[in-house]
Amino acid sequence: MKPMSSFKFPVINPVLHGELRLKIMVALDSLNDADFMYLCQITDSTRGNLSAQIAMLKDAGYINVSKSGLGRFSRTTCSITARGREALSAYEEGLRKMFAQEVPAQEERTIINL
């Protein structure tokens, strides 16, 4: 019997794989930092959804969140961290590898009749 294939796809970071989280990270990678409302606008997201996704990225250590001002006049700004840049770069590289890989043909299996 032939051994099973050792082929494996690259691991893709599930935190970055969500569409909105990926948009946030790509924007922050380009801009370094951005206002919450600007991120809401360019990602076409609701404030509640954006807030939840920002919290997930912050918890992962990929972004910093700072607040200034008080009450209705407060401003939230997000910025990418070094860890976030590394994770985004690794994510991009993993996708490139995945698309460049040639998946080996499935090996024929011997059917054993009992």
C-alpha atoms as a PDB file:
ATOM      1  CA  MET A   1       0.000   0.000   0.000  1.00  0.00           C
ATOM      2  CA  LYS A   2       1.321   3.450  -0.947  1.00  0.00           C
ATOM      3  CA  PRO A   3       1.821   6.015   1.823  1.00  0.00           C
ATOM      4  CA  MET A   4      -0.639   8.916   2.032  1.00  0.00           C
ATOM      5  CA  SER A   5       0.466  12.175   0.424  1.00  0.00           C
ATOM      6  CA  SER A   6       2.447  14.528   2.647  1.00  0.00           C
ATOM      7  CA  PHE A   7       0.970  17.554   0.865  1.00  0.00           C
ATOM      8  CA  LYS A   8      -0.443  20.247   3.138  1.00  0.00           C
ATOM      9  CA  PHE A   9      -1.862  23.690   2.383  1.00  0.00           C
ATOM     10  CA  PRO A  10      -0.223  26.614   4.231  1.00  0.00           C
ATOM     11  CA  VAL A  11      -1.946  27.676   7.439  1.00  0.00           C
ATOM     12  CA  ILE A  12      -3.996  30.849   6.954  1.00  0.00           C
ATOM     13  CA  ASN A  13      -4.455  33.150   9.967  1.00  0.00           C
ATOM     14  CA  PRO A  14      -8.176  32.943  10.882  1.00  0.00           C
ATOM     15  CA  VAL A  15      -8.125  36.325  12.645  1.00  0.00           C
ATOM     16  CA  LEU A  16      -7.055  38.084   9.446  1.00  0.00           C
ATOM     17  CA  HIS A  17      -9.154  35.922   7.135  1.00  0.00           C
ATOM     18  CA  GLY A  18     -12.427  37.698   7.956  1.00  0.00           C
ATOM     19  CA  GLU A  19     -13.256  40.190   5.196  1.00  0.00           C
ATOM     20  CA  LEU A  20     -13.790  43.241   7.410  1.00  0.00           C
ATOM     21  CA  ARG A  21     -10.753  42.508   9.604  1.00  0.00           C
ATOM     22  CA  LEU A  22      -8.616  42.113   6.482  1.00  0.00           C
ATOM     23  CA  LYS A  23      -9.883  45.440   5.089  1.00  0.00           C
ATOM     24  CA  ILE A  24      -9.048  47.165   8.387  1.00  0.00           C
ATOM     25  CA  MET A  25      -5.549  45.702   8.433  1.00  0.00           C
ATOM     26  CA  VAL A  26      -4.800  46.559   4.805  1.00  0.00           C
ATOM     27  CA  ALA A  27      -6.006  50.127   5.381  1.00  0.00           C
ATOM     28  CA  LEU A  28      -3.916  50.542   8.526  1.00  0.00           C
ATOM     29  CA  ASP A  29      -0.878  48.990   6.848  1.00  0.00           C
ATOM     30  CA  SER A  30      -1.142  51.659   4.171  1.00  0.00           C
ATOM     31  CA  LEU A  31      -2.164  54.601   6.374  1.00  0.00           C
ATOM     32  CA  ASN A  32      -0.361  53.678   9.651  1.00  0.00           C
ATOM     33  CA  ASP A  33      -3.363  55.018  11.571  1.00  0.00           C
ATOM     34  CA  ALA A  34      -6.950  55.970  10.849  1.00  0.00           C
ATOM     35  CA  ASP A  35      -9.962  57.493  12.553  1.00  0.00           C
ATOM     36  CA  PHE A  36     -12.769  55.065  13.454  1.00  0.00           C
ATOM     37  CA  MET A  37     -15.333  56.897  11.321  1.00  0.00           C
ATOM     38  CA  TYR A  38     -13.000  56.921   8.325  1.00  0.00           C
ATOM     39  CA  LEU A  39     -12.522  53.149   8.668  1.00  0.00           C
ATOM     40  CA  CYS A  40     -16.303  52.790   8.904  1.00  0.00           C
ATOM     41  CA  GLN A  41     -16.676  54.750   5.667  1.00  0.00           C
ATOM     42  CA  ILE A  42     -13.982  53.025   3.584  1.00  0.00           C
ATOM     43  CA  THR A  43     -14.951  49.514   4.713  1.00  0.00           C
ATOM     44  CA  ASP A  44     -18.682  50.167   4.247  1.00  0.00           C
ATOM     45  CA  SER A  45     -19.298  48.772   7.710  1.00  0.00           C
ATOM     46  CA  THR A  46     -21.715  49.558  10.495  1.00  0.00           C
ATOM     47  CA  ARG A  47     -20.228  51.102  13.626  1.00  0.00           C
ATOM     48  CA  GLY A  48     -21.213  48.090  15.725  1.00  0.00           C
ATOM     49  CA  ASN A  49     -19.636  45.549  13.395  1.00  0.00           C
ATOM     50  CA  LEU A  50     -16.498  47.651  12.947  1.00  0.00           C
ATOM     51  CA  SER A  51     -16.176  48.050  16.710  1.00  0.00           C
ATOM     52  CA  ALA A  52     -16.419  44.268  17.242  1.00  0.00           C
ATOM     53  CA  GLN A  53     -13.815  43.520  14.561  1.00  0.00           C
ATOM     54  CA  ILE A  54     -11.452  46.199  15.892  1.00  0.00           C
ATOM     55  CA  ALA A  55     -11.745  44.646  19.370  1.00  0.00           C
ATOM     56  CA  MET A  56     -10.755  41.251  17.937  1.00  0.00           C
ATOM     57  CA  LEU A  57      -7.724  42.741  16.154  1.00  0.00           C
ATOM     58  CA  LYS A  58      -6.737  44.647  19.303  1.00  0.00           C
ATOM     59  CA  ASP A  59      -7.035  41.489  21.440  1.00  0.00           C
ATOM     60  CA  ALA A  60      -4.744  39.690  18.969  1.00  0.00           C
ATOM     61  CA  GLY A  61      -2.168  42.480  19.395  1.00  0.00           C
ATOM     62  CA  TYR A  62      -2.426  43.510  15.734  1.00  0.00           C
ATOM     63  CA  ILE A  63      -3.654  47.071  16.308  1.00  0.00           C
ATOM     64  CA  ASN A  64      -3.619  49.772  18.964  1.00  0.00           C
ATOM     65  CA  VAL A  65      -6.738  51.790  19.745  1.00  0.00           C
ATOM     66  CA  SER A  66      -6.544  55.241  21.300  1.00  0.00           C
ATOM     67  CA  LYS A  67      -9.348  57.560  22.363  1.00  0.00           C
ATOM     68  CA  SER A  68      -9.216  61.302  22.810  1.00  0.00           C
ATOM     69  CA  GLY A  69     -11.811  63.853  23.838  1.00  0.00           C
ATOM     70  CA  LEU A  70     -14.922  63.363  25.966  1.00  0.00           C
ATOM     71  CA  GLY A  71     -18.465  62.121  25.374  1.00  0.00           C
ATOM     72  CA  ARG A  72     -19.980  62.942  22.002  1.00  0.00           C
ATOM     73  CA  PHE A  73     -16.780  64.681  20.990  1.00  0.00           C
ATOM     74  CA  SER A  74     -14.492  61.736  21.539  1.00  0.00           C
ATOM     75  CA  ARG A  75     -12.358  60.394  18.714  1.00  0.00           C
ATOM     76  CA  THR A  76     -11.122  56.837  18.309  1.00  0.00           C
ATOM     77  CA  THR A  77      -7.978  56.224  16.292  1.00  0.00           C
ATOM     78  CA  CYS A  78      -6.557  52.845  15.295  1.00  0.00           C
ATOM     79  CA  SER A  79      -2.973  52.080  14.335  1.00  0.00           C
ATOM     80  CA  ILE A  80      -1.235  48.920  13.207  1.00  0.00           C
ATOM     81  CA  THR A  81       1.416  47.323  15.443  1.00  0.00           C
ATOM     82  CA  ALA A  82       4.667  45.667  14.399  1.00  0.00           C
ATOM     83  CA  ARG A  83       3.043  42.331  15.269  1.00  0.00           C
ATOM     84  CA  GLY A  84       0.100  43.270  13.034  1.00  0.00           C
ATOM     85  CA  ARG A  85       2.390  44.083  10.107  1.00  0.00           C
ATOM     86  CA  GLU A  86       4.188  40.755  10.530  1.00  0.00           C
ATOM     87  CA  ALA A  87       0.890  38.850  10.701  1.00  0.00           C
ATOM     88  CA  LEU A  88      -0.440  40.623   7.597  1.00  0.00           C
ATOM     89  CA  SER A  89       2.746  39.907   5.685  1.00  0.00           C
ATOM     90  CA  ALA A  90       2.645  36.221   6.689  1.00  0.00           C
ATOM     91  CA  TYR A  91      -1.034  36.038   5.704  1.00  0.00           C
ATOM     92  CA  GLU A  92      -0.298  37.479   2.263  1.00  0.00           C
ATOM     93  CA  GLU A  93       2.629  35.102   1.787  1.00  0.00           C
ATOM     94  CA  GLY A  94       0.494  32.128   2.826  1.00  0.00           C
ATOM     95  CA  LEU A  95      -2.142  33.014   0.241  1.00  0.00           C
ATOM     96  CA  ARG A  96       0.506  33.449  -2.457  1.00  0.00           C
ATOM     97  CA  LYS A  97       1.955  30.029  -1.622  1.00  0.00           C
ATOM     98  CA  MET A  98      -1.484  28.452  -1.607  1.00  0.00           C
ATOM     99  CA  PHE A  99      -2.296  29.753  -5.089  1.00  0.00           C
ATOM    100  CA  ALA A 100       1.163  28.851  -6.406  1.00  0.00           C
ATOM    101  CA  GLN A 101       1.117  25.277  -5.089  1.00  0.00           C
ATOM    102  CA  GLU A 102       0.249  22.435  -7.344  1.00  0.00           C
ATOM    103  CA  VAL A 103      -2.038  20.039  -5.556  1.00  0.00           C
ATOM    104  CA  PRO A 104      -0.878  16.486  -6.252  1.00  0.00           C
ATOM    105  CA  ALA A 105      -3.292  14.113  -7.939  1.00  0.00           C
ATOM    106  CA  GLN A 106      -5.193  11.826  -5.628  1.00  0.00           C
ATOM    107  CA  GLU A 107      -3.596   8.425  -5.409  1.00  0.00           C
ATOM    108  CA  GLU A 108      -5.698   5.441  -6.355  1.00  0.00           C
ATOM    109  CA  ARG A 109      -6.782   3.367  -3.427  1.00  0.00           C
ATOM    110  CA  THR A 110      -7.018  -0.342  -3.406  1.00  0.00           C
ATOM    111  CA  ILE A 111     -10.506  -1.540  -2.551  1.00  0.00           C
ATOM    112  CA  ILE A 112     -10.502  -4.547  -0.297  1.00  0.00           C
ATOM    113  CA  ASN A 113     -13.592  -6.711  -0.422  1.00  0.00           C
ATOM    114  CA  LEU A 114     -14.287  -8.560   2.770  1.00  0.00           C
END
